[in-house]
PDB file of N, CA and C in Angstrom:
ATOM      1  N   UNK A   1     -15.922 -17.092 -14.626  1.00  0.00           N
ATOM      2  CA  UNK A   1     -16.155 -17.962 -13.639  1.00  0.00           C
ATOM      3  C   UNK A   1     -17.606 -18.064 -12.921  1.00  0.00           C
ATOM      4  N   UNK A   2     -18.471 -19.029 -13.348  1.00  0.00           N
ATOM      5  CA  UNK A   2     -19.930 -19.159 -13.461  1.00  0.00           C
ATOM      6  C   UNK A   2     -20.127 -19.243 -11.997  1.00  0.00           C
ATOM      7  N   UNK A   3     -21.175 -18.119 -11.247  1.00  0.00           N
ATOM      8  CA  UNK A   3     -21.600 -18.451  -9.889  1.00  0.00           C
ATOM      9  C   UNK A   3     -20.679 -17.699  -8.944  1.00  0.00           C
ATOM     10  N   UNK A   4     -19.598 -17.053  -9.330  1.00  0.00           N
ATOM     11  CA  UNK A   4     -18.775 -16.504  -8.369  1.00  0.00           C
ATOM     12  C   UNK A   4     -19.307 -15.031  -7.971  1.00  0.00           C
ATOM     13  N   UNK A   5     -19.079 -14.760  -6.764  1.00  0.00           N
ATOM     14  CA  UNK A   5     -19.664 -13.516  -6.146  1.00  0.00           C
ATOM     15  C   UNK A   5     -18.754 -12.354  -7.025  1.00  0.00           C
ATOM     16  N   UNK A   6     -19.590 -11.156  -7.441  1.00  0.00           N
ATOM     17  CA  UNK A   6     -19.014  -9.990  -8.229  1.00  0.00           C
ATOM     18  C   UNK A   6     -17.802  -9.277  -7.486  1.00  0.00           C
ATOM     19  N   UNK A   7     -17.931  -9.039  -6.500  1.00  0.00           N
ATOM     20  CA  UNK A   7     -16.629  -8.667  -5.366  1.00  0.00           C
ATOM     21  C   UNK A   7     -15.540  -9.203  -5.814  1.00  0.00           C
ATOM     22  N   UNK A   8     -15.532 -10.597  -5.404  1.00  0.00           N
ATOM     23  CA  UNK A   8     -14.482 -11.449  -5.596  1.00  0.00           C
ATOM     24  C   UNK A   8     -13.852 -11.578  -7.013  1.00  0.00           C
ATOM     25  N   UNK A   9     -14.452 -11.313  -8.098  1.00  0.00           N
ATOM     26  CA  UNK A   9     -14.264 -11.452  -9.305  1.00  0.00           C
ATOM     27  C   UNK A   9     -13.487 -10.403  -9.976  1.00  0.00           C
ATOM     28  N   UNK A  10     -13.980  -9.262  -9.224  1.00  0.00           N
ATOM     29  CA  UNK A  10     -13.311  -7.890  -9.355  1.00  0.00           C
ATOM     30  C   UNK A  10     -11.887  -7.764  -8.763  1.00  0.00           C
ATOM     31  N   UNK A  11     -11.745  -8.372  -7.621  1.00  0.00           N
ATOM     32  CA  UNK A  11     -10.546  -8.635  -6.775  1.00  0.00           C
ATOM     33  C   UNK A  11      -9.733  -9.750  -7.664  1.00  0.00           C
ATOM     34  N   UNK A  12     -10.198 -10.524  -8.182  1.00  0.00           N
ATOM     35  CA  UNK A  12      -9.493 -11.597  -8.772  1.00  0.00           C
ATOM     36  C   UNK A  12      -8.940 -10.729 -10.229  1.00  0.00           C
ATOM     37  N   UNK A  13      -9.755  -9.846 -10.768  1.00  0.00           N
ATOM     38  CA  UNK A  13      -9.014  -9.320 -12.216  1.00  0.00           C
ATOM     39  C   UNK A  13      -8.159  -8.243 -11.536  1.00  0.00           C
ATOM     40  N   UNK A  14      -8.361  -7.386 -10.687  1.00  0.00           N
ATOM     41  CA  UNK A  14      -7.371  -6.665 -10.191  1.00  0.00           C
ATOM     42  C   UNK A  14      -5.938  -7.123 -10.027  1.00  0.00           C
ATOM     43  N   UNK A  15      -5.939  -8.361  -9.359  1.00  0.00           N
ATOM     44  CA  UNK A  15      -4.817  -9.186  -9.225  1.00  0.00           C
ATOM     45  C   UNK A  15      -3.953  -9.640 -10.092  1.00  0.00           C
ATOM     46  N   UNK A  16      -5.034  -9.936 -11.321  1.00  0.00           N
ATOM     47  CA  UNK A  16      -4.441 -10.379 -12.639  1.00  0.00           C
ATOM     48  C   UNK A  16      -3.483  -9.224 -13.021  1.00  0.00           C
ATOM     49  N   UNK A  17      -4.167  -7.947 -13.080  1.00  0.00           N
ATOM     50  CA  UNK A  17      -3.699  -6.631 -13.552  1.00  0.00           C
ATOM     51  C   UNK A  17      -2.406  -6.512 -12.821  1.00  0.00           C
ATOM     52  N   UNK A  18      -2.308  -6.541 -11.382  1.00  0.00           N
ATOM     53  CA  UNK A  18      -1.058  -6.395 -10.475  1.00  0.00           C
ATOM     54  C   UNK A  18      -0.047  -7.445 -11.021  1.00  0.00           C
ATOM     55  N   UNK A  19      -0.260  -8.606 -11.123  1.00  0.00           N
ATOM     56  CA  UNK A  19       0.614  -9.571 -11.610  1.00  0.00           C
ATOM     57  C   UNK A  19       1.091  -9.507 -13.023  1.00  0.00           C
ATOM     58  N   UNK A  20       0.289  -8.955 -13.899  1.00  0.00           N
ATOM     59  CA  UNK A  20       0.948  -8.757 -15.215  1.00  0.00           C
ATOM     60  C   UNK A  20       1.894  -7.610 -15.452  1.00  0.00           C
ATOM     61  N   UNK A  21       1.254  -6.573 -14.737  1.00  0.00           N
ATOM     62  CA  UNK A  21       2.104  -5.160 -14.898  1.00  0.00           C
ATOM     63  C   UNK A  21       3.087  -5.015 -13.960  1.00  0.00           C
ATOM     64  N   UNK A  22       2.686  -5.773 -12.720  1.00  0.00           N
ATOM     65  CA  UNK A  22       3.906  -5.359 -11.555  1.00  0.00           C
ATOM     66  C   UNK A  22       3.076  -4.247 -10.787  1.00  0.00           C
ATOM     67  N   UNK A  23       2.278  -3.482 -11.051  1.00  0.00           N
ATOM     68  CA  UNK A  23       1.577  -2.260 -10.158  1.00  0.00           C
ATOM     69  C   UNK A  23       0.374  -2.100 -10.611  1.00  0.00           C
ATOM     70  N   UNK A  24      -0.510  -1.438 -10.041  1.00  0.00           N
ATOM     71  CA  UNK A  24      -1.956  -1.079 -10.265  1.00  0.00           C
ATOM     72  C   UNK A  24      -2.834  -2.119  -9.680  1.00  0.00           C
ATOM     73  N   UNK A  25      -2.855  -2.575  -8.672  1.00  0.00           N
ATOM     74  CA  UNK A  25      -3.586  -3.301  -7.846  1.00  0.00           C
ATOM     75  C   UNK A  25      -4.920  -2.436  -7.443  1.00  0.00           C
ATOM     76  N   UNK A  26      -4.335  -1.144  -6.855  1.00  0.00           N
ATOM     77  CA  UNK A  26      -5.429  -0.388  -5.924  1.00  0.00           C
ATOM     78  C   UNK A  26      -6.480   0.103  -6.884  1.00  0.00           C
ATOM     79  N   UNK A  27      -5.917   0.919  -8.095  1.00  0.00           N
ATOM     80  CA  UNK A  27      -6.788   1.576  -8.759  1.00  0.00           C
ATOM     81  C   UNK A  27      -7.775   0.743  -9.313  1.00  0.00           C
ATOM     82  N   UNK A  28      -7.724  -0.328 -10.223  1.00  0.00           N
ATOM     83  CA  UNK A  28      -8.788  -1.256 -10.353  1.00  0.00           C
ATOM     84  C   UNK A  28      -9.874  -1.733  -9.219  1.00  0.00           C
ATOM     85  N   UNK A  29      -9.119  -2.241  -8.328  1.00  0.00           N
ATOM     86  CA  UNK A  29      -9.869  -2.741  -7.134  1.00  0.00           C
ATOM     87  C   UNK A  29     -10.612  -1.537  -6.455  1.00  0.00           C
ATOM     88  N   UNK A  30     -10.182  -0.728  -6.241  1.00  0.00           N
ATOM     89  CA  UNK A  30     -11.120   0.463  -5.780  1.00  0.00           C
ATOM     90  C   UNK A  30     -12.095   1.124  -6.475  1.00  0.00           C
ATOM     91  N   UNK A  31     -11.757   1.081  -7.775  1.00  0.00           N
ATOM     92  CA  UNK A  31     -12.878   1.595  -8.838  1.00  0.00           C
ATOM     93  C   UNK A  31     -14.122   0.498  -8.835  1.00  0.00           C
ATOM     94  N   UNK A  32     -13.446  -0.746  -8.930  1.00  0.00           N
ATOM     95  CA  UNK A  32     -14.510  -1.708  -9.196  1.00  0.00           C
ATOM     96  C   UNK A  32     -15.382  -2.131  -7.958  1.00  0.00           C
ATOM     97  N   UNK A  33     -14.932  -2.044  -6.697  1.00  0.00           N
ATOM     98  CA  UNK A  33     -15.593  -2.271  -5.524  1.00  0.00           C
ATOM     99  C   UNK A  33     -16.441  -1.020  -4.841  1.00  0.00           C
ATOM    100  N   UNK A  34     -15.756   0.228  -5.355  1.00  0.00           N
ATOM    101  CA  UNK A  34     -16.815   1.351  -5.022  1.00  0.00           C
ATOM    102  C   UNK A  34     -18.224   1.459  -5.757  1.00  0.00           C
ATOM    103  N   UNK A  35     -18.423   0.429  -6.697  1.00  0.00           N
ATOM    104  CA  UNK A  35     -19.454   0.267  -7.208  1.00  0.00           C
ATOM    105  C   UNK A  35     -20.405  -0.244  -6.308  1.00  0.00           C
ATOM    106  N   UNK A  36     -20.169  -1.015  -5.328  1.00  0.00           N
ATOM    107  CA  UNK A  36     -20.876  -1.907  -4.515  1.00  0.00           C
ATOM    108  C   UNK A  36     -20.850  -1.519  -2.961  1.00  0.00           C
ATOM    109  N   UNK A  37     -19.440  -0.895  -2.773  1.00  0.00           N
ATOM    110  CA  UNK A  37     -19.237  -0.738  -1.272  1.00  0.00           C
ATOM    111  C   UNK A  37     -18.776   0.942  -1.083  1.00  0.00           C
ATOM    112  N   UNK A  38     -18.871   1.491  -0.031  1.00  0.00           N
ATOM    113  CA  UNK A  38     -18.347   3.011   0.108  1.00  0.00           C
ATOM    114  C   UNK A  38     -16.896   2.875  -0.127  1.00  0.00           C
ATOM    115  N   UNK A  39     -16.253   3.642  -0.596  1.00  0.00           N
ATOM    116  CA  UNK A  39     -14.782   3.945  -0.587  1.00  0.00           C
ATOM    117  C   UNK A  39     -14.051   4.013   0.583  1.00  0.00           C
ATOM    118  N   UNK A  40     -14.839   4.430   1.913  1.00  0.00           N
ATOM    119  CA  UNK A  40     -14.483   4.594   2.862  1.00  0.00           C
ATOM    120  C   UNK A  40     -14.196   3.296   3.516  1.00  0.00           C
ATOM    121  N   UNK A  41     -14.804   2.301   3.243  1.00  0.00           N
ATOM    122  CA  UNK A  41     -14.587   0.773   3.781  1.00  0.00           C
ATOM    123  C   UNK A  41     -13.786   0.031   2.692  1.00  0.00           C
ATOM    124  N   UNK A  42     -13.329   0.456   1.927  1.00  0.00           N
ATOM    125  CA  UNK A  42     -12.333  -0.214   0.783  1.00  0.00           C
ATOM    126  C   UNK A  42     -11.028   0.286   0.819  1.00  0.00           C
ATOM    127  N   UNK A  43     -10.761   1.853   0.909  1.00  0.00           N
ATOM    128  CA  UNK A  43      -9.376   2.204   0.716  1.00  0.00           C
ATOM    129  C   UNK A  43      -8.507   1.736   1.981  1.00  0.00           C
ATOM    130  N   UNK A  44      -8.874   1.697   3.122  1.00  0.00           N
ATOM    131  CA  UNK A  44      -7.982   0.899   4.060  1.00  0.00           C
ATOM    132  C   UNK A  44      -7.412  -0.100   4.131  1.00  0.00           C
ATOM    133  N   UNK A  45      -8.467  -1.099   3.709  1.00  0.00           N
ATOM    134  CA  UNK A  45      -8.237  -2.574   3.462  1.00  0.00           C
ATOM    135  C   UNK A  45      -6.981  -2.689   2.058  1.00  0.00           C
ATOM    136  N   UNK A  46      -7.551  -1.977   1.289  1.00  0.00           N
ATOM    137  CA  UNK A  46      -6.507  -2.144  -0.281  1.00  0.00           C
ATOM    138  C   UNK A  46      -5.379  -1.387   0.241  1.00  0.00           C
ATOM    139  N   UNK A  47      -5.122  -0.440   1.306  1.00  0.00           N
ATOM    140  CA  UNK A  47      -3.916   0.269   1.300  1.00  0.00           C
ATOM    141  C   UNK A  47      -3.094  -0.996   2.123  1.00  0.00           C
ATOM    142  N   UNK A  48      -3.533  -1.221   3.147  1.00  0.00           N
ATOM    143  CA  UNK A  48      -2.690  -2.542   3.812  1.00  0.00           C
ATOM    144  C   UNK A  48      -2.469  -3.608   2.914  1.00  0.00           C
ATOM    145  N   UNK A  49      -3.178  -3.903   1.844  1.00  0.00           N
ATOM    146  CA  UNK A  49      -2.697  -5.034   0.875  1.00  0.00           C
ATOM    147  C   UNK A  49      -1.634  -4.414   0.185  1.00  0.00           C
ATOM    148  N   UNK A  50      -1.404  -3.191  -0.230  1.00  0.00           N
ATOM    149  CA  UNK A  50      -0.366  -2.674  -0.863  1.00  0.00           C
ATOM    150  C   UNK A  50       0.924  -2.693   0.080  1.00  0.00           C
ATOM    151  N   UNK A  51       0.628  -2.441   1.296  1.00  0.00           N
ATOM    152  CA  UNK A  51       1.879  -2.471   2.345  1.00  0.00           C
ATOM    153  C   UNK A  51       2.364  -4.013   2.314  1.00  0.00           C
ATOM    154  N   UNK A  52       1.453  -4.674   2.542  1.00  0.00           N
ATOM    155  CA  UNK A  52       1.729  -6.093   2.691  1.00  0.00           C
ATOM    156  C   UNK A  52       2.619  -6.815   1.647  1.00  0.00           C
ATOM    157  N   UNK A  53       2.261  -6.553   0.239  1.00  0.00           N
ATOM    158  CA  UNK A  53       2.873  -6.575  -0.770  1.00  0.00           C
ATOM    159  C   UNK A  53       4.247  -5.914  -1.144  1.00  0.00           C
ATOM    160  N   UNK A  54       4.627  -4.923  -0.329  1.00  0.00           N
ATOM    161  CA  UNK A  54       5.743  -4.216  -0.589  1.00  0.00           C
ATOM    162  C   UNK A  54       6.893  -4.623   0.423  1.00  0.00           C
ATOM    163  N   UNK A  55       6.221  -5.446   1.712  1.00  0.00           N
ATOM    164  CA  UNK A  55       7.038  -5.324   2.489  1.00  0.00           C
ATOM    165  C   UNK A  55       8.425  -6.230   2.339  1.00  0.00           C
ATOM    166  N   UNK A  56       8.496  -7.378   1.454  1.00  0.00           N
ATOM    167  CA  UNK A  56       9.455  -8.028   1.350  1.00  0.00           C
ATOM    168  C   UNK A  56      10.496  -7.084   0.477  1.00  0.00           C
ATOM    169  N   UNK A  57      10.180  -6.140  -0.393  1.00  0.00           N
ATOM    170  CA  UNK A  57      11.086  -5.349  -1.125  1.00  0.00           C
ATOM    171  C   UNK A  57      11.717  -4.120  -0.078  1.00  0.00           C
ATOM    172  N   UNK A  58      10.757  -3.893   1.030  1.00  0.00           N
ATOM    173  CA  UNK A  58      11.474  -2.934   2.031  1.00  0.00           C
ATOM    174  C   UNK A  58      12.604  -3.659   2.860  1.00  0.00           C
ATOM    175  N   UNK A  59      12.158  -4.995   3.235  1.00  0.00           N
ATOM    176  CA  UNK A  59      12.905  -5.483   4.075  1.00  0.00           C
ATOM    177  C   UNK A  59      14.246  -5.930   3.287  1.00  0.00           C
ATOM    178  N   UNK A  60      14.431  -6.380   1.817  1.00  0.00           N
ATOM    179  CA  UNK A  60      15.877  -6.378   0.881  1.00  0.00           C
ATOM    180  C   UNK A  60      16.227  -5.217   1.126  1.00  0.00           C
ATOM    181  N   UNK A  61      15.778  -3.995   0.918  1.00  0.00           N
ATOM    182  CA  UNK A  61      16.512  -2.663   0.703  1.00  0.00           C
ATOM    183  C   UNK A  61      17.073  -2.446   2.287  1.00  0.00           C
ATOM    184  N   UNK A  62      16.036  -2.808   3.343  1.00  0.00           N
ATOM    185  CA  UNK A  62      16.895  -2.255   4.628  1.00  0.00           C
ATOM    186  C   UNK A  62      17.945  -3.094   4.877  1.00  0.00           C
ATOM    187  N   UNK A  63      18.044  -4.609   4.680  1.00  0.00           N
ATOM    188  CA  UNK A  63      19.066  -5.266   4.934  1.00  0.00           C
ATOM    189  C   UNK A  63      20.223  -5.351   3.985  1.00  0.00           C
ATOM    190  N   UNK A  64      20.065  -4.706   2.852  1.00  0.00           N
ATOM    191  CA  UNK A  64      21.142  -4.911   1.830  1.00  0.00           C
ATOM    192  C   UNK A  64      21.536  -5.895   0.822  1.00  0.00           C
ATOM    193  N   UNK A  65      20.099  -6.700   0.978  1.00  0.00           N
ATOM    194  CA  UNK A  65      20.195  -8.070   0.091  1.00  0.00           C
ATOM    195  C   UNK A  65      19.105  -7.699  -0.841  1.00  0.00           C
ATOM    196  N   UNK A  66      19.196  -7.031  -1.919  1.00  0.00           N
ATOM    197  CA  UNK A  66      17.904  -6.554  -2.198  1.00  0.00           C
ATOM    198  C   UNK A  66      18.037  -6.866  -3.724  1.00  0.00           C
ATOM    199  N   UNK A  67      19.503  -6.764  -4.253  1.00  0.00           N
ATOM    200  CA  UNK A  67      19.651  -6.788  -5.673  1.00  0.00           C
ATOM    201  C   UNK A  67      19.435  -5.735  -6.830  1.00  0.00           C
ATOM    202  N   UNK A  68      18.950  -4.618  -6.012  1.00  0.00           N
ATOM    203  CA  UNK A  68      18.723  -3.396  -6.784  1.00  0.00           C
ATOM    204  C   UNK A  68      19.898  -2.725  -6.938  1.00  0.00           C
ATOM    205  N   UNK A  69      20.393  -2.492  -8.391  1.00  0.00           N
ATOM    206  CA  UNK A  69      21.549  -1.587  -8.436  1.00  0.00           C
ATOM    207  C   UNK A  69      21.157   0.191  -8.094  1.00  0.00           C
ATOM    208  N   UNK A  70      22.024   0.469  -7.592  1.00  0.00           N
ATOM    209  CA  UNK A  70      22.020   2.040  -7.085  1.00  0.00           C
ATOM    210  C   UNK A  70      21.149   2.495  -5.962  1.00  0.00           C
ATOM    211  N   UNK A  71      20.544   1.201  -5.161  1.00  0.00           N
ATOM    212  CA  UNK A  71      20.189   1.314  -4.082  1.00  0.00           C
ATOM    213  C   UNK A  71      20.910   1.431  -2.825  1.00  0.00           C
ATOM    214  N   UNK A  72      20.869   2.236  -2.143  1.00  0.00           N
ATOM    215  CA  UNK A  72      21.599   2.594  -0.977  1.00  0.00           C
ATOM    216  C   UNK A  72      20.894   2.120   0.508  1.00  0.00           C
ATOM    217  N   UNK A  73      21.487   0.944   1.180  1.00  0.00           N
ATOM    218  CA  UNK A  73      20.568   0.745   2.466  1.00  0.00           C
ATOM    219  C   UNK A  73      20.758   1.852   3.526  1.00  0.00           C
ATOM    220  N   UNK A  74      21.997   2.386   3.529  1.00  0.00           N
ATOM    221  CA  UNK A  74      22.122   3.433   4.586  1.00  0.00           C
ATOM    222  C   UNK A  74      21.349   4.696   4.263  1.00  0.00           C
ATOM    223  N   UNK A  75      20.990   5.126   2.992  1.00  0.00           N
ATOM    224  CA  UNK A  75      20.635   6.294   2.590  1.00  0.00           C
ATOM    225  C   UNK A  75      19.020   6.078   3.054  1.00  0.00           C
ATOM    226  N   UNK A  76      18.194   4.750   2.776  1.00  0.00           N
ATOM    227  CA  UNK A  76      17.232   4.435   2.704  1.00  0.00           C
ATOM    228  C   UNK A  76      17.038   4.385   4.393  1.00  0.00           C
ATOM    229  N   UNK A  77      18.034   4.036   5.442  1.00  0.00           N
ATOM    230  CA  UNK A  77      17.313   4.137   6.753  1.00  0.00           C
ATOM    231  C   UNK A  77      17.428   5.349   7.454  1.00  0.00           C
ATOM    232  N   UNK A  78      18.205   6.321   6.673  1.00  0.00           N
ATOM    233  CA  UNK A  78      18.253   7.932   7.279  1.00  0.00           C
ATOM    234  C   UNK A  78      16.844   8.317   6.403  1.00  0.00           C
ATOM    235  N   UNK A  79      16.408   7.866   5.418  1.00  0.00           N
ATOM    236  CA  UNK A  79      15.181   8.525   4.903  1.00  0.00           C
ATOM    237  C   UNK A  79      13.835   8.080   5.835  1.00  0.00           C
ATOM    238  N   UNK A  80      14.137   6.807   6.372  1.00  0.00           N
ATOM    239  CA  UNK A  80      12.786   6.269   7.130  1.00  0.00           C
ATOM    240  C   UNK A  80      13.037   7.046   8.387  1.00  0.00           C
ATOM    241  N   UNK A  81      14.310   7.129   9.191  1.00  0.00           N
ATOM    242  CA  UNK A  81      14.373   7.833  10.098  1.00  0.00           C
ATOM    243  C   UNK A  81      13.833   9.205  10.101  1.00  0.00           C
ATOM    244  N   UNK A  82      13.971   9.797   9.039  1.00  0.00           N
ATOM    245  CA  UNK A  82      13.276  11.402   9.105  1.00  0.00           C
ATOM    246  C   UNK A  82      11.730  11.334   8.776  1.00  0.00           C
ATOM    247  N   UNK A  83      11.465  10.436   8.006  1.00  0.00           N
ATOM    248  CA  UNK A  83       9.830  10.045   7.774  1.00  0.00           C
ATOM    249  C   UNK A  83       9.215  10.166   9.181  1.00  0.00           C
ATOM    250  N   UNK A  84      10.131   9.128   9.916  1.00  0.00           N
ATOM    251  CA  UNK A  84       9.101   8.623  11.362  1.00  0.00           C
ATOM    252  C   UNK A  84       9.108  10.085  12.007  1.00  0.00           C
ATOM    253  N   UNK A  85      10.509  10.780  12.352  1.00  0.00           N
ATOM    254  CA  UNK A  85      10.488  12.076  13.127  1.00  0.00           C
ATOM    255  C   UNK A  85       9.241  13.157  12.280  1.00  0.00           C
ATOM    256  N   UNK A  86       9.498  12.969  11.157  1.00  0.00           N
ATOM    257  CA  UNK A  86       8.404  14.274  10.485  1.00  0.00           C
ATOM    258  C   UNK A  86       7.030  13.750  11.010  1.00  0.00           C
ATOM    259  N   UNK A  87       6.500  12.699  10.796  1.00  0.00           N
ATOM    260  CA  UNK A  87       5.322  11.847  11.264  1.00  0.00           C
ATOM    261  C   UNK A  87       5.134  12.451  12.513  1.00  0.00           C
ATOM    262  N   UNK A  88       5.849  12.152  13.320  1.00  0.00           N
ATOM    263  CA  UNK A  88       5.702  12.443  14.982  1.00  0.00           C
ATOM    264  C   UNK A  88       5.429  13.822  15.323  1.00  0.00           C
ATOM    265  N   UNK A  89       6.395  14.686  14.186  1.00  0.00           N
ATOM    266  CA  UNK A  89       5.954  15.988  14.868  1.00  0.00           C
ATOM    267  C   UNK A  89       4.557  16.436  14.024  1.00  0.00           C
ATOM    268  N   UNK A  90       4.349  15.901  13.075  1.00  0.00           N
ATOM    269  CA  UNK A  90       2.861  16.135  12.367  1.00  0.00           C
ATOM    270  C   UNK A  90       1.883  15.614  13.307  1.00  0.00           C
ATOM    271  N   UNK A  91       2.160  14.328  13.755  1.00  0.00           N
ATOM    272  CA  UNK A  91       1.027  13.819  15.098  1.00  0.00           C
ATOM    273  C   UNK A  91       0.898  14.967  16.066  1.00  0.00           C
ATOM    274  N   UNK A  92       2.142  15.338  16.600  1.00  0.00           N
ATOM    275  CA  UNK A  92       1.978  16.188  17.806  1.00  0.00           C
ATOM    276  C   UNK A  92       1.017  17.554  17.337  1.00  0.00           C
ATOM    277  N   UNK A  93       1.479  17.970  16.061  1.00  0.00           N
ATOM    278  CA  UNK A  93       0.710  19.182  16.099  1.00  0.00           C
ATOM    279  C   UNK A  93      -0.602  19.249  15.911  1.00  0.00           C
ATOM    280  N   UNK A  94      -1.001  18.024  15.278  1.00  0.00           N
ATOM    281  CA  UNK A  94      -2.528  17.691  15.386  1.00  0.00           C
ATOM    282  C   UNK A  94      -3.501  17.775  16.656  1.00  0.00           C
ATOM    283  N   UNK A  95      -2.778  17.614  17.639  1.00  0.00           N
ATOM    284  CA  UNK A  95      -3.344  17.479  18.942  1.00  0.00           C
ATOM    285  C   UNK A  95      -4.014  16.125  19.007  1.00  0.00           C
ATOM    286  N   UNK A  96      -5.110  15.966  20.007  1.00  0.00           N
ATOM    287  CA  UNK A  96      -5.756  14.732  20.109  1.00  0.00           C
ATOM    288  C   UNK A  96      -6.852  14.527  19.175  1.00  0.00           C
ATOM    289  N   UNK A  97      -7.054  15.455  18.311  1.00  0.00           N
ATOM    290  CA  UNK A  97      -8.091  15.096  16.926  1.00  0.00           C
ATOM    291  C   UNK A  97      -7.808  14.286  16.098  1.00  0.00           C
ATOM    292  N   UNK A  98      -6.371  14.169  15.935  1.00  0.00           N
ATOM    293  CA  UNK A  98      -5.668  13.280  14.812  1.00  0.00           C
ATOM    294  C   UNK A  98      -5.644  13.959  13.435  1.00  0.00           C
ATOM    295  N   UNK A  99      -5.757  13.153  12.451  1.00  0.00           N
ATOM    296  CA  UNK A  99      -5.415  13.864  11.192  1.00  0.00           C
ATOM    297  C   UNK A  99      -7.204  14.064  10.966  1.00  0.00           C
ATOM    298  N   UNK A 100      -7.813  13.234  11.083  1.00  0.00           N
ATOM    299  CA  UNK A 100      -9.319  13.264  10.604  1.00  0.00           C
ATOM    300  C   UNK A 100      -9.918  14.359  11.242  1.00  0.00           C
ATOM    301  N   UNK A 101      -9.543  15.012  12.325  1.00  0.00           N
ATOM    302  CA  UNK A 101     -10.184  15.942  13.095  1.00  0.00           C
ATOM    303  C   UNK A 101     -10.295  17.397  12.079  1.00  0.00           C
TER     304      UNK A 101
END
């Protein structure tokens, strides 16, 4: 595309990779954008995009209307509950400094 900004072109390329293969958006995006920006600025936004892309799948499994054979919504709910408990215990053990401290 003539005249497009390099970062935008990299993101479009990574999106094509994701659409073609079904996964792999983060790797090419972070790799390409880290040539121009600090990874600390890139990773959080790319992570949030990955979470947003996965939400429809998670909601489908949570309510049981997902169409995936072998997926058990009740087991998924128990797994999420355990995950939240473990995250709370981990956060409590870190104190006021958080995970970055």
